[in-house]
Amino acid sequence: MAKDLSKTQWHGIPRENIPWYPTVNADACIGCELCYVTCGREVYEIELQDNKRRKARVERPYNCMVGCSTCAVVCPTEAIRFPSRDIVWKAEREYKIFKIVHAEAQAKRDKAGAMAERQKAEEQLSSTPTRASVRIAGVFGEKQFLIKLQHLIKDRPFDIVNLQLHVPTLQGLSENTPAYMDFEVTSTSQEDVTPFLSELRAVVADNDLVWVER
């Protein structure tokens, strides 16, 4: 259902105090419906006359944006008219709206600045590596590498997930058969995992394992 904006305000002025709205010359209107589809504020309705002729009707005049005359510009038969722009200029002077306008403009700039900062933060976050896949190869045997991983992440905003140990056989693992381990390093607080990966590489090297570049 279309909204009635007649009780709203235009920069502090009651909308009904500004008689800016279109009128339609029904004789000149050819029912093209350009005004109906062009107006985004639902000023117009289209009515059917004699069960066959479409005509534009101004249904909600005060929905019209003060100063807008787009519908008149696109009307191919110039069937739409607006009052003199003096009405708008007079209202601006009479109500001294520019103080309000300046405040609205500042609020708009503040909002745009906040949105820009938010977008920048989101872009930085999206470009920050918060997750990384890791493959380590070598002889795991009795090195208790998993326990060392637990100590590395203890009380820190990182975790090891989707861990899989690939070995030919369980007996082979106890006999120091080479194997490889896959897992993912993830940040639990959306931090950059790069510094943590450097620490992890050091632990891998200290245990005579190989960091497999992928």
N, C-alpha and C. Protein backbone atom coordinates (compact mmCIF):
# COMPACT_ATOMS: atom_id res chain seq x y z
N MET A 1 0.85 -1.20 0.00
CA MET A 1 0.00 0.00 0.00
C MET A 1 0.88 1.25 0.00
N ALA A 2 0.53 2.20 -0.86
CA ALA A 2 1.33 3.42 -0.98
C ALA A 2 1.24 4.26 0.30
N LYS A 3 2.36 4.90 0.65
CA LYS A 3 2.41 5.75 1.83
C LYS A 3 1.97 7.16 1.50
N ASP A 4 1.27 7.78 2.43
CA ASP A 4 0.89 9.18 2.32
C ASP A 4 1.93 10.00 3.08
N LEU A 5 2.70 10.84 2.35
CA LEU A 5 3.78 11.61 2.96
C LEU A 5 3.37 13.05 3.26
N SER A 6 2.08 13.33 3.24
CA SER A 6 1.63 14.71 3.42
C SER A 6 1.93 15.25 4.81
N LYS A 7 2.09 14.38 5.80
CA LYS A 7 2.34 14.84 7.17
C LYS A 7 3.84 14.88 7.51
N THR A 8 4.66 14.65 6.53
CA THR A 8 6.11 14.71 6.76
C THR A 8 6.59 16.16 6.65
N GLN A 9 7.90 16.34 6.77
CA GLN A 9 8.48 17.68 6.66
C GLN A 9 9.56 17.71 5.59
N TRP A 10 9.72 18.88 5.01
CA TRP A 10 10.80 19.12 4.06
C TRP A 10 11.76 20.11 4.69
N HIS A 11 12.88 19.62 5.19
CA HIS A 11 13.87 20.46 5.87
C HIS A 11 13.22 21.31 6.97
N GLY A 12 12.37 20.69 7.74
CA GLY A 12 11.74 21.38 8.86
C GLY A 12 10.42 22.06 8.53
N ILE A 13 10.05 22.12 7.27
CA ILE A 13 8.80 22.75 6.86
C ILE A 13 7.73 21.67 6.70
N PRO A 14 6.56 21.83 7.32
CA PRO A 14 5.48 20.86 7.08
C PRO A 14 5.21 20.74 5.58
N ARG A 15 5.19 19.52 5.10
CA ARG A 15 5.06 19.33 3.65
C ARG A 15 3.79 19.96 3.10
N GLU A 16 2.72 19.95 3.86
CA GLU A 16 1.46 20.52 3.37
C GLU A 16 1.53 22.04 3.23
N ASN A 17 2.57 22.67 3.79
CA ASN A 17 2.71 24.13 3.68
C ASN A 17 3.40 24.54 2.39
N ILE A 18 3.82 23.58 1.60
CA ILE A 18 4.49 23.88 0.33
C ILE A 18 3.66 23.28 -0.81
N PRO A 19 2.90 24.09 -1.52
CA PRO A 19 2.02 23.57 -2.57
C PRO A 19 2.77 23.22 -3.86
N TRP A 20 3.77 22.38 -3.72
CA TRP A 20 4.53 21.94 -4.90
C TRP A 20 4.09 20.52 -5.24
N TYR A 21 3.39 20.39 -6.34
CA TYR A 21 2.96 19.08 -6.82
C TYR A 21 2.46 19.24 -8.26
N PRO A 22 2.38 18.17 -8.99
CA PRO A 22 1.98 18.27 -10.39
C PRO A 22 0.47 18.30 -10.56
N THR A 23 0.05 18.81 -11.68
CA THR A 23 -1.34 18.70 -12.13
C THR A 23 -1.31 18.11 -13.53
N VAL A 24 -2.34 17.37 -13.87
CA VAL A 24 -2.39 16.69 -15.16
C VAL A 24 -3.54 17.22 -16.00
N ASN A 25 -3.24 17.61 -17.22
CA ASN A 25 -4.26 17.98 -18.19
C ASN A 25 -4.81 16.70 -18.80
N ALA A 26 -5.99 16.28 -18.35
CA ALA A 26 -6.54 14.99 -18.79
C ALA A 26 -6.75 14.95 -20.30
N ASP A 27 -7.07 16.08 -20.91
CA ASP A 27 -7.29 16.09 -22.36
C ASP A 27 -6.00 15.82 -23.12
N ALA A 28 -4.88 16.30 -22.55
CA ALA A 28 -3.60 16.10 -23.24
C ALA A 28 -2.95 14.76 -22.90
N CYS A 29 -3.35 14.15 -21.78
CA CYS A 29 -2.75 12.89 -21.34
C CYS A 29 -3.12 11.77 -22.30
N ILE A 30 -2.14 11.02 -22.77
CA ILE A 30 -2.37 9.91 -23.69
C ILE A 30 -2.24 8.55 -22.99
N GLY A 31 -2.09 8.57 -21.68
CA GLY A 31 -2.03 7.31 -20.94
C GLY A 31 -0.78 6.49 -21.20
N CYS A 32 0.33 7.16 -21.47
CA CYS A 32 1.57 6.43 -21.74
C CYS A 32 2.15 5.79 -20.47
N GLU A 33 1.77 6.31 -19.31
CA GLU A 33 2.17 5.80 -17.99
C GLU A 33 3.62 6.06 -17.62
N LEU A 34 4.29 6.92 -18.38
CA LEU A 34 5.67 7.27 -18.03
C LEU A 34 5.74 7.94 -16.66
N CYS A 35 4.82 8.80 -16.37
CA CYS A 35 4.84 9.48 -15.07
C CYS A 35 4.66 8.48 -13.94
N TYR A 36 3.80 7.49 -14.15
CA TYR A 36 3.49 6.49 -13.13
C TYR A 36 4.71 5.65 -12.80
N VAL A 37 5.44 5.22 -13.83
CA VAL A 37 6.60 4.36 -13.58
C VAL A 37 7.86 5.15 -13.24
N THR A 38 7.90 6.43 -13.66
CA THR A 38 9.09 7.24 -13.39
C THR A 38 9.11 7.76 -11.96
N CYS A 39 7.97 8.11 -11.44
CA CYS A 39 7.90 8.67 -10.09
C CYS A 39 8.15 7.58 -9.05
N GLY A 40 9.16 7.78 -8.25
CA GLY A 40 9.48 6.81 -7.20
C GLY A 40 8.78 7.07 -5.89
N ARG A 41 7.93 8.08 -5.85
CA ARG A 41 7.27 8.44 -4.59
C ARG A 41 5.76 8.21 -4.64
N GLU A 42 5.31 7.49 -5.66
CA GLU A 42 3.91 7.05 -5.78
C GLU A 42 2.92 8.20 -5.76
N VAL A 43 3.26 9.25 -6.50
CA VAL A 43 2.35 10.39 -6.61
C VAL A 43 1.15 10.04 -7.48
N TYR A 44 1.39 9.24 -8.51
CA TYR A 44 0.37 8.99 -9.52
C TYR A 44 -0.33 7.64 -9.37
N GLU A 45 -1.55 7.61 -9.88
CA GLU A 45 -2.27 6.38 -10.15
C GLU A 45 -2.77 6.48 -11.59
N ILE A 46 -3.03 5.34 -12.18
CA ILE A 46 -3.58 5.33 -13.53
C ILE A 46 -5.01 4.83 -13.46
N GLU A 47 -5.93 5.60 -14.03
CA GLU A 47 -7.33 5.20 -14.03
C GLU A 47 -7.79 4.91 -15.45
N LEU A 48 -8.76 4.05 -15.55
CA LEU A 48 -9.31 3.66 -16.84
C LEU A 48 -10.61 4.41 -17.08
N GLN A 49 -10.65 5.16 -18.16
CA GLN A 49 -11.85 5.91 -18.49
C GLN A 49 -12.58 5.24 -19.65
N ASP A 50 -13.86 5.15 -19.56
CA ASP A 50 -14.70 4.52 -20.59
C ASP A 50 -14.23 3.09 -20.89
N ASN A 51 -13.66 2.46 -19.83
CA ASN A 51 -13.21 1.07 -19.93
C ASN A 51 -12.15 0.84 -21.01
N LYS A 52 -11.51 1.91 -21.47
CA LYS A 52 -10.50 1.69 -22.50
C LYS A 52 -9.38 2.72 -22.50
N ARG A 53 -9.62 3.93 -22.04
CA ARG A 53 -8.61 4.98 -22.11
C ARG A 53 -7.93 5.15 -20.76
N ARG A 54 -6.61 5.00 -20.74
CA ARG A 54 -5.84 5.21 -19.51
C ARG A 54 -5.53 6.70 -19.35
N LYS A 55 -5.65 7.15 -18.11
CA LYS A 55 -5.33 8.54 -17.79
C LYS A 55 -4.57 8.58 -16.47
N ALA A 56 -3.56 9.45 -16.42
CA ALA A 56 -2.81 9.62 -15.18
C ALA A 56 -3.58 10.53 -14.24
N ARG A 57 -3.55 10.16 -12.95
CA ARG A 57 -4.23 10.97 -11.93
C ARG A 57 -3.27 11.21 -10.78
N VAL A 58 -3.20 12.46 -10.31
CA VAL A 58 -2.37 12.79 -9.15
C VAL A 58 -3.14 12.34 -7.91
N GLU A 59 -2.72 11.24 -7.33
CA GLU A 59 -3.42 10.65 -6.20
C GLU A 59 -2.89 11.12 -4.86
N ARG A 60 -1.55 11.28 -4.77
CA ARG A 60 -0.92 11.68 -3.51
C ARG A 60 0.01 12.87 -3.80
N PRO A 61 -0.55 14.07 -3.93
CA PRO A 61 0.23 15.24 -4.37
C PRO A 61 1.40 15.58 -3.46
N TYR A 62 1.20 15.43 -2.12
CA TYR A 62 2.27 15.84 -1.21
C TYR A 62 3.36 14.77 -1.05
N ASN A 63 3.21 13.68 -1.77
CA ASN A 63 4.31 12.72 -1.86
C ASN A 63 5.41 13.25 -2.78
N CYS A 64 5.05 14.20 -3.62
CA CYS A 64 6.01 14.73 -4.59
C CYS A 64 7.19 15.39 -3.87
N MET A 65 8.39 15.09 -4.32
CA MET A 65 9.58 15.72 -3.76
C MET A 65 9.61 17.19 -4.16
N VAL A 66 9.75 18.04 -3.18
CA VAL A 66 9.76 19.47 -3.45
C VAL A 66 10.88 19.81 -4.43
N GLY A 67 10.51 20.48 -5.52
CA GLY A 67 11.48 20.88 -6.53
C GLY A 67 11.64 19.89 -7.66
N CYS A 68 11.13 18.67 -7.51
CA CYS A 68 11.27 17.67 -8.57
C CYS A 68 10.21 17.89 -9.64
N SER A 69 10.61 17.77 -10.89
CA SER A 69 9.66 17.89 -12.00
C SER A 69 10.00 16.90 -13.11
N THR A 70 10.60 15.79 -12.74
CA THR A 70 11.03 14.80 -13.72
C THR A 70 9.87 14.30 -14.57
N CYS A 71 8.73 14.06 -13.92
CA CYS A 71 7.60 13.52 -14.67
C CYS A 71 7.17 14.47 -15.78
N ALA A 72 7.22 15.78 -15.51
CA ALA A 72 6.86 16.76 -16.53
C ALA A 72 7.87 16.77 -17.67
N VAL A 73 9.13 16.55 -17.32
CA VAL A 73 10.18 16.54 -18.34
C VAL A 73 10.00 15.38 -19.30
N VAL A 74 9.61 14.21 -18.78
CA VAL A 74 9.50 13.03 -19.64
C VAL A 74 8.15 12.92 -20.32
N CYS A 75 7.16 13.69 -19.90
CA CYS A 75 5.82 13.59 -20.50
C CYS A 75 5.87 13.98 -21.98
N PRO A 76 5.50 13.09 -22.88
CA PRO A 76 5.64 13.38 -24.32
C PRO A 76 4.64 14.39 -24.86
N THR A 77 3.57 14.64 -24.12
CA THR A 77 2.56 15.60 -24.61
C THR A 77 2.49 16.85 -23.74
N GLU A 78 3.42 17.00 -22.82
CA GLU A 78 3.45 18.13 -21.91
C GLU A 78 2.12 18.29 -21.17
N ALA A 79 1.57 17.16 -20.77
CA ALA A 79 0.30 17.18 -20.06
C ALA A 79 0.45 17.49 -18.58
N ILE A 80 1.69 17.48 -18.10
CA ILE A 80 1.94 17.68 -16.67
C ILE A 80 2.52 19.07 -16.44
N ARG A 81 2.00 19.74 -15.47
CA ARG A 81 2.47 21.09 -15.14
C ARG A 81 2.80 21.16 -13.65
N PHE A 82 3.74 22.04 -13.32
CA PHE A 82 4.10 22.33 -11.94
C PHE A 82 3.95 23.82 -11.69
N PRO A 83 3.77 24.21 -10.43
CA PRO A 83 3.70 25.65 -10.12
C PRO A 83 5.06 26.31 -10.31
N SER A 84 5.08 27.61 -10.19
CA SER A 84 6.34 28.35 -10.32
C SER A 84 7.32 27.96 -9.23
N ARG A 85 8.58 27.93 -9.60
CA ARG A 85 9.61 27.62 -8.61
C ARG A 85 9.72 28.68 -7.52
N ASP A 86 9.08 29.82 -7.75
CA ASP A 86 9.05 30.87 -6.72
C ASP A 86 8.46 30.35 -5.41
N ILE A 87 7.55 29.37 -5.52
CA ILE A 87 6.94 28.79 -4.32
C ILE A 87 8.00 28.18 -3.42
N VAL A 88 8.92 27.46 -4.05
CA VAL A 88 9.99 26.80 -3.29
C VAL A 88 10.94 27.84 -2.71
N TRP A 89 11.34 28.79 -3.54
CA TRP A 89 12.28 29.81 -3.08
C TRP A 89 11.70 30.64 -1.95
N LYS A 90 10.39 30.93 -2.05
CA LYS A 90 9.72 31.70 -0.99
C LYS A 90 9.73 30.91 0.32
N ALA A 91 9.46 29.63 0.24
CA ALA A 91 9.45 28.79 1.45
C ALA A 91 10.84 28.73 2.08
N GLU A 92 11.86 28.67 1.25
CA GLU A 92 13.23 28.62 1.76
C GLU A 92 13.55 29.89 2.54
N ARG A 93 13.13 31.03 1.99
CA ARG A 93 13.41 32.30 2.67
C ARG A 93 12.56 32.47 3.92
N GLU A 94 11.28 32.14 3.78
CA GLU A 94 10.35 32.37 4.88
C GLU A 94 10.69 31.52 6.11
N TYR A 95 11.07 30.30 5.88
CA TYR A 95 11.34 29.38 7.00
C TYR A 95 12.82 29.33 7.38
N LYS A 96 13.64 30.07 6.62
CA LYS A 96 15.08 30.13 6.91
C LYS A 96 15.65 28.72 7.14
N ILE A 97 15.52 27.94 6.09
CA ILE A 97 15.83 26.51 6.24
C ILE A 97 17.32 26.18 6.17
N PHE A 98 18.17 27.14 5.80
CA PHE A 98 19.55 26.78 5.50
C PHE A 98 20.35 26.34 6.72
N LYS A 99 19.96 26.81 7.91
CA LYS A 99 20.61 26.31 9.12
C LYS A 99 20.33 24.83 9.28
N ILE A 100 19.08 24.46 9.02
CA ILE A 100 18.71 23.04 9.08
C ILE A 100 19.42 22.26 7.99
N VAL A 101 19.48 22.84 6.80
CA VAL A 101 20.14 22.17 5.66
C VAL A 101 21.61 21.93 5.95
N HIS A 102 22.28 22.93 6.53
CA HIS A 102 23.71 22.77 6.86
C HIS A 102 23.90 21.63 7.86
N ALA A 103 23.00 21.53 8.84
CA ALA A 103 23.10 20.44 9.82
C ALA A 103 22.85 19.10 9.15
N GLU A 104 21.90 19.06 8.24
CA GLU A 104 21.62 17.82 7.50
C GLU A 104 22.80 17.44 6.61
N ALA A 105 23.44 18.45 6.01
CA ALA A 105 24.59 18.19 5.16
C ALA A 105 25.75 17.62 5.96
N GLN A 106 25.95 18.18 7.18
CA GLN A 106 27.03 17.68 8.03
C GLN A 106 26.74 16.24 8.45
N ALA A 107 25.48 15.97 8.78
CA ALA A 107 25.10 14.60 9.15
C ALA A 107 25.33 13.64 7.98
N LYS A 108 25.06 14.12 6.78
CA LYS A 108 25.29 13.29 5.58
C LYS A 108 26.78 13.02 5.39
N ARG A 109 27.61 14.07 5.60
CA ARG A 109 29.06 13.87 5.49
C ARG A 109 29.57 12.92 6.56
N ASP A 110 29.04 13.08 7.78
CA ASP A 110 29.46 12.19 8.86
C ASP A 110 29.10 10.74 8.55
N LYS A 111 27.91 10.54 8.02
CA LYS A 111 27.47 9.19 7.68
C LYS A 111 28.33 8.62 6.57
N ALA A 112 28.62 9.46 5.56
CA ALA A 112 29.46 8.99 4.46
C ALA A 112 30.85 8.65 4.95
N GLY A 113 31.38 9.47 5.88
CA GLY A 113 32.70 9.19 6.44
C GLY A 113 32.71 7.89 7.23
N ALA A 114 31.64 7.68 8.01
CA ALA A 114 31.55 6.45 8.80
C ALA A 114 31.45 5.24 7.89
N MET A 115 30.69 5.37 6.81
CA MET A 115 30.56 4.27 5.86
C MET A 115 31.88 3.98 5.18
N ALA A 116 32.63 5.05 4.86
CA ALA A 116 33.93 4.87 4.22
C ALA A 116 34.90 4.16 5.16
N GLU A 117 34.88 4.55 6.44
CA GLU A 117 35.74 3.90 7.42
C GLU A 117 35.34 2.44 7.60
N ARG A 118 34.06 2.19 7.61
CA ARG A 118 33.59 0.81 7.75
C ARG A 118 34.03 -0.03 6.55
N GLN A 119 33.87 0.54 5.36
CA GLN A 119 34.28 -0.18 4.16
C GLN A 119 35.78 -0.45 4.17
N LYS A 120 36.55 0.55 4.63
CA LYS A 120 38.00 0.37 4.72
C LYS A 120 38.35 -0.75 5.69
N ALA A 121 37.66 -0.76 6.83
CA ALA A 121 37.92 -1.80 7.83
C ALA A 121 37.55 -3.17 7.29
N GLU A 122 36.44 -3.24 6.56
CA GLU A 122 36.00 -4.51 5.99
C GLU A 122 36.99 -5.00 4.93
N GLU A 123 37.52 -4.05 4.14
CA GLU A 123 38.50 -4.42 3.12
C GLU A 123 39.79 -4.92 3.76
N GLN A 124 40.20 -4.25 4.85
CA GLN A 124 41.40 -4.69 5.55
C GLN A 124 41.19 -6.07 6.16
N LEU A 125 40.00 -6.27 6.71
CA LEU A 125 39.70 -7.56 7.32
C LEU A 125 39.68 -8.67 6.28
N SER A 126 39.08 -8.36 5.11
CA SER A 126 38.99 -9.37 4.06
C SER A 126 40.35 -9.72 3.48
N SER A 127 41.30 -8.77 3.57
CA SER A 127 42.64 -9.02 3.03
C SER A 127 43.59 -9.59 4.09
N THR A 128 43.12 -9.68 5.33
CA THR A 128 43.95 -10.22 6.40
C THR A 128 43.82 -11.73 6.44
N PRO A 129 44.95 -12.46 6.33
CA PRO A 129 44.88 -13.93 6.37
C PRO A 129 44.56 -14.41 7.78
N THR A 130 43.34 -14.86 7.99
CA THR A 130 42.92 -15.35 9.30
C THR A 130 42.83 -16.87 9.33
N ARG A 131 43.20 -17.50 8.23
CA ARG A 131 43.14 -18.95 8.14
C ARG A 131 44.20 -19.42 7.15
N ALA A 132 44.84 -20.53 7.45
CA ALA A 132 45.88 -21.04 6.55
C ALA A 132 45.93 -22.56 6.62
N SER A 133 46.13 -23.17 5.46
CA SER A 133 46.28 -24.63 5.38
C SER A 133 47.75 -25.00 5.55
N VAL A 134 48.01 -26.06 6.29
CA VAL A 134 49.38 -26.47 6.59
C VAL A 134 49.53 -27.97 6.32
N ARG A 135 50.65 -28.33 5.71
CA ARG A 135 51.00 -29.75 5.55
C ARG A 135 52.43 -29.95 6.07
N ILE A 136 52.57 -30.92 6.94
CA ILE A 136 53.87 -31.22 7.52
C ILE A 136 54.19 -32.68 7.26
N ALA A 137 55.40 -32.95 6.84
CA ALA A 137 55.81 -34.33 6.52
C ALA A 137 57.03 -34.72 7.34
N GLY A 138 57.18 -36.01 7.52
CA GLY A 138 58.35 -36.51 8.23
C GLY A 138 58.01 -37.69 9.11
N VAL A 139 58.90 -37.99 10.00
CA VAL A 139 58.70 -39.10 10.94
C VAL A 139 58.15 -38.53 12.23
N PHE A 140 56.90 -38.86 12.54
CA PHE A 140 56.26 -38.32 13.74
C PHE A 140 56.58 -39.19 14.96
N GLY A 141 56.42 -40.52 14.81
CA GLY A 141 56.82 -41.47 15.84
C GLY A 141 56.47 -41.02 17.25
N GLU A 142 57.50 -40.89 18.09
CA GLU A 142 57.30 -40.56 19.50
C GLU A 142 57.62 -39.09 19.81
N LYS A 143 57.50 -38.24 18.83
CA LYS A 143 57.89 -36.84 19.02
C LYS A 143 56.83 -36.01 19.77
N GLN A 144 55.66 -36.60 19.96
CA GLN A 144 54.59 -35.90 20.68
C GLN A 144 54.31 -34.52 20.08
N PHE A 145 54.27 -34.52 18.76
CA PHE A 145 54.09 -33.25 18.05
C PHE A 145 52.72 -32.63 18.36
N LEU A 146 51.70 -33.45 18.50
CA LEU A 146 50.37 -32.91 18.79
C LEU A 146 50.33 -32.21 20.14
N ILE A 147 51.03 -32.77 21.12
CA ILE A 147 51.08 -32.14 22.44
C ILE A 147 51.78 -30.79 22.35
N LYS A 148 52.81 -30.72 21.51
CA LYS A 148 53.52 -29.46 21.33
C LYS A 148 52.64 -28.42 20.64
N LEU A 149 51.79 -28.91 19.72
CA LEU A 149 50.84 -27.99 19.08
C LEU A 149 49.85 -27.44 20.11
N GLN A 150 49.40 -28.30 21.01
CA GLN A 150 48.48 -27.85 22.06
C GLN A 150 49.11 -26.78 22.94
N HIS A 151 50.36 -26.97 23.29
CA HIS A 151 51.05 -25.96 24.10
C HIS A 151 51.21 -24.64 23.32
N LEU A 152 51.41 -24.76 22.01
CA LEU A 152 51.62 -23.57 21.20
C LEU A 152 50.37 -22.69 21.13
N ILE A 153 49.19 -23.31 21.12
CA ILE A 153 47.96 -22.53 20.97
C ILE A 153 47.30 -22.23 22.32
N LYS A 154 47.83 -22.76 23.41
CA LYS A 154 47.20 -22.58 24.71
C LYS A 154 47.10 -21.10 25.09
N ASP A 155 45.89 -20.72 25.47
CA ASP A 155 45.61 -19.34 25.91
C ASP A 155 45.92 -18.30 24.85
N ARG A 156 45.81 -18.71 23.59
CA ARG A 156 46.07 -17.77 22.50
C ARG A 156 44.88 -17.79 21.53
N PRO A 157 44.70 -16.72 20.76
CA PRO A 157 43.53 -16.64 19.87
C PRO A 157 43.71 -17.42 18.56
N PHE A 158 44.23 -18.62 18.66
CA PHE A 158 44.44 -19.46 17.49
C PHE A 158 43.99 -20.88 17.80
N ASP A 159 43.67 -21.61 16.74
CA ASP A 159 43.27 -22.99 16.93
C ASP A 159 43.74 -23.81 15.73
N ILE A 160 43.84 -25.12 15.96
CA ILE A 160 44.19 -26.06 14.90
C ILE A 160 42.93 -26.86 14.60
N VAL A 161 42.48 -26.84 13.35
CA VAL A 161 41.23 -27.52 12.99
C VAL A 161 41.45 -28.44 11.80
N ASN A 162 40.49 -29.35 11.63
CA ASN A 162 40.50 -30.28 10.50
C ASN A 162 41.82 -31.04 10.38
N LEU A 163 42.33 -31.48 11.52
CA LEU A 163 43.63 -32.16 11.54
C LEU A 163 43.47 -33.61 11.08
N GLN A 164 44.35 -34.02 10.18
CA GLN A 164 44.37 -35.40 9.68
C GLN A 164 45.81 -35.88 9.57
N LEU A 165 46.05 -37.06 10.12
CA LEU A 165 47.36 -37.67 10.02
C LEU A 165 47.29 -38.81 9.01
N HIS A 166 48.13 -38.71 7.99
CA HIS A 166 48.12 -39.71 6.92
C HIS A 166 49.35 -40.61 7.08
N VAL A 167 49.09 -41.87 7.40
CA VAL A 167 50.19 -42.84 7.56
C VAL A 167 49.86 -44.10 6.78
N PRO A 168 50.89 -44.80 6.25
CA PRO A 168 50.63 -46.03 5.50
C PRO A 168 49.90 -47.07 6.36
N THR A 169 50.42 -47.30 7.57
CA THR A 169 49.78 -48.22 8.52
C THR A 169 50.06 -47.73 9.93
N LEU A 170 49.21 -48.14 10.87
CA LEU A 170 49.43 -47.77 12.26
C LEU A 170 50.74 -48.36 12.76
N GLN A 171 51.03 -49.58 12.36
CA GLN A 171 52.29 -50.19 12.77
C GLN A 171 53.47 -49.43 12.18
N GLY A 172 53.28 -48.92 10.96
CA GLY A 172 54.35 -48.16 10.32
C GLY A 172 54.66 -46.89 11.09
N LEU A 173 53.62 -46.27 11.70
CA LEU A 173 53.84 -45.07 12.48
C LEU A 173 54.75 -45.36 13.67
N SER A 174 54.51 -46.48 14.33
CA SER A 174 55.34 -46.85 15.49
C SER A 174 56.75 -47.25 15.07
N GLU A 175 56.91 -47.58 13.80
CA GLU A 175 58.22 -47.99 13.29
C GLU A 175 58.92 -46.84 12.56
N ASN A 176 58.44 -45.63 12.83
CA ASN A 176 59.05 -44.42 12.25
C ASN A 176 58.98 -44.37 10.73
N THR A 177 57.86 -44.82 10.21
CA THR A 177 57.63 -44.69 8.77
C THR A 177 57.24 -43.25 8.46
N PRO A 178 57.80 -42.63 7.42
CA PRO A 178 57.43 -41.25 7.08
C PRO A 178 55.93 -41.12 6.83
N ALA A 179 55.37 -40.02 7.27
CA ALA A 179 53.94 -39.75 7.09
C ALA A 179 53.77 -38.24 6.88
N TYR A 180 52.55 -37.83 6.72
CA TYR A 180 52.32 -36.39 6.63
C TYR A 180 51.03 -36.04 7.36
N MET A 181 50.97 -34.78 7.79
CA MET A 181 49.84 -34.29 8.58
C MET A 181 49.28 -33.03 7.93
N ASP A 182 47.97 -33.00 7.76
CA ASP A 182 47.28 -31.82 7.23
C ASP A 182 46.42 -31.20 8.31
N PHE A 183 46.42 -29.90 8.40
CA PHE A 183 45.49 -29.21 9.29
C PHE A 183 45.39 -27.75 8.87
N GLU A 184 44.49 -27.06 9.50
CA GLU A 184 44.32 -25.63 9.23
C GLU A 184 44.55 -24.84 10.51
N VAL A 185 45.24 -23.74 10.34
CA VAL A 185 45.43 -22.79 11.44
C VAL A 185 44.39 -21.69 11.26
N THR A 186 43.63 -21.42 12.30
CA THR A 186 42.60 -20.39 12.21
C THR A 186 42.68 -19.45 13.41
N SER A 187 42.33 -18.21 13.18
CA SER A 187 42.28 -17.23 14.27
C SER A 187 40.89 -17.21 14.86
N THR A 188 40.79 -17.30 16.15
CA THR A 188 39.49 -17.26 16.82
C THR A 188 39.02 -15.83 17.06
N SER A 189 39.86 -14.85 16.73
CA SER A 189 39.48 -13.45 16.92
C SER A 189 39.75 -12.62 15.67
N GLN A 190 39.78 -13.30 14.51
CA GLN A 190 39.97 -12.62 13.23
C GLN A 190 41.30 -11.87 13.14
N GLU A 191 42.33 -12.40 13.81
CA GLU A 191 43.65 -11.79 13.73
C GLU A 191 44.44 -12.40 12.57
N ASP A 192 45.50 -11.71 12.20
CA ASP A 192 46.40 -12.20 11.17
C ASP A 192 47.15 -13.42 11.72
N VAL A 193 47.10 -14.54 10.99
CA VAL A 193 47.76 -15.77 11.46
C VAL A 193 49.22 -15.84 11.03
N THR A 194 49.67 -14.88 10.24
CA THR A 194 51.03 -14.94 9.69
C THR A 194 52.11 -15.02 10.77
N PRO A 195 52.08 -14.18 11.81
CA PRO A 195 53.10 -14.30 12.86
C PRO A 195 53.07 -15.66 13.55
N PHE A 196 51.86 -16.19 13.76
CA PHE A 196 51.73 -17.50 14.41
C PHE A 196 52.33 -18.59 13.52
N LEU A 197 52.16 -18.46 12.22
CA LEU A 197 52.72 -19.46 11.31
C LEU A 197 54.24 -19.49 11.40
N SER A 198 54.85 -18.33 11.64
CA SER A 198 56.31 -18.29 11.79
C SER A 198 56.74 -19.08 13.03
N GLU A 199 55.98 -18.94 14.12
CA GLU A 199 56.28 -19.72 15.32
C GLU A 199 56.09 -21.21 15.06
N LEU A 200 55.04 -21.54 14.33
CA LEU A 200 54.76 -22.94 14.02
C LEU A 200 55.87 -23.54 13.16
N ARG A 201 56.37 -22.78 12.22
CA ARG A 201 57.46 -23.26 11.39
C ARG A 201 58.69 -23.60 12.24
N ALA A 202 58.92 -22.76 13.25
CA ALA A 202 60.07 -23.01 14.12
C ALA A 202 59.90 -24.32 14.89
N VAL A 203 58.69 -24.58 15.37
CA VAL A 203 58.41 -25.84 16.08
C VAL A 203 58.59 -27.03 15.14
N VAL A 204 58.14 -26.89 13.93
CA VAL A 204 58.29 -27.96 12.93
C VAL A 204 59.77 -28.25 12.69
N ALA A 205 60.55 -27.20 12.50
CA ALA A 205 61.99 -27.39 12.26
C ALA A 205 62.68 -28.00 13.47
N ASP A 206 62.30 -27.59 14.68
CA ASP A 206 62.93 -28.13 15.89
C ASP A 206 62.65 -29.62 16.06
N ASN A 207 61.61 -30.10 15.43
CA ASN A 207 61.25 -31.51 15.55
C ASN A 207 61.66 -32.32 14.32
N ASP A 208 62.57 -31.73 13.53
CA ASP A 208 63.09 -32.41 12.34
C ASP A 208 61.98 -32.85 11.39
N LEU A 209 60.95 -32.02 11.29
CA LEU A 209 59.88 -32.27 10.33
C LEU A 209 60.01 -31.28 9.18
N VAL A 210 59.26 -31.51 8.13
CA VAL A 210 59.37 -30.69 6.91
C VAL A 210 58.05 -29.96 6.66
N TRP A 211 58.15 -28.66 6.51
CA TRP A 211 56.99 -27.84 6.15
C TRP A 211 56.82 -27.93 4.63
N VAL A 212 55.71 -28.49 4.19
CA VAL A 212 55.49 -28.70 2.76
C VAL A 212 54.77 -27.48 2.19
N GLU A 213 55.42 -26.79 1.27
CA GLU A 213 54.80 -25.64 0.62
C GLU A 213 53.70 -26.11 -0.32
N ARG A 214 52.54 -25.46 -0.25
CA ARG A 214 51.40 -25.89 -1.06
C ARG A 214 50.88 -24.77 -1.94
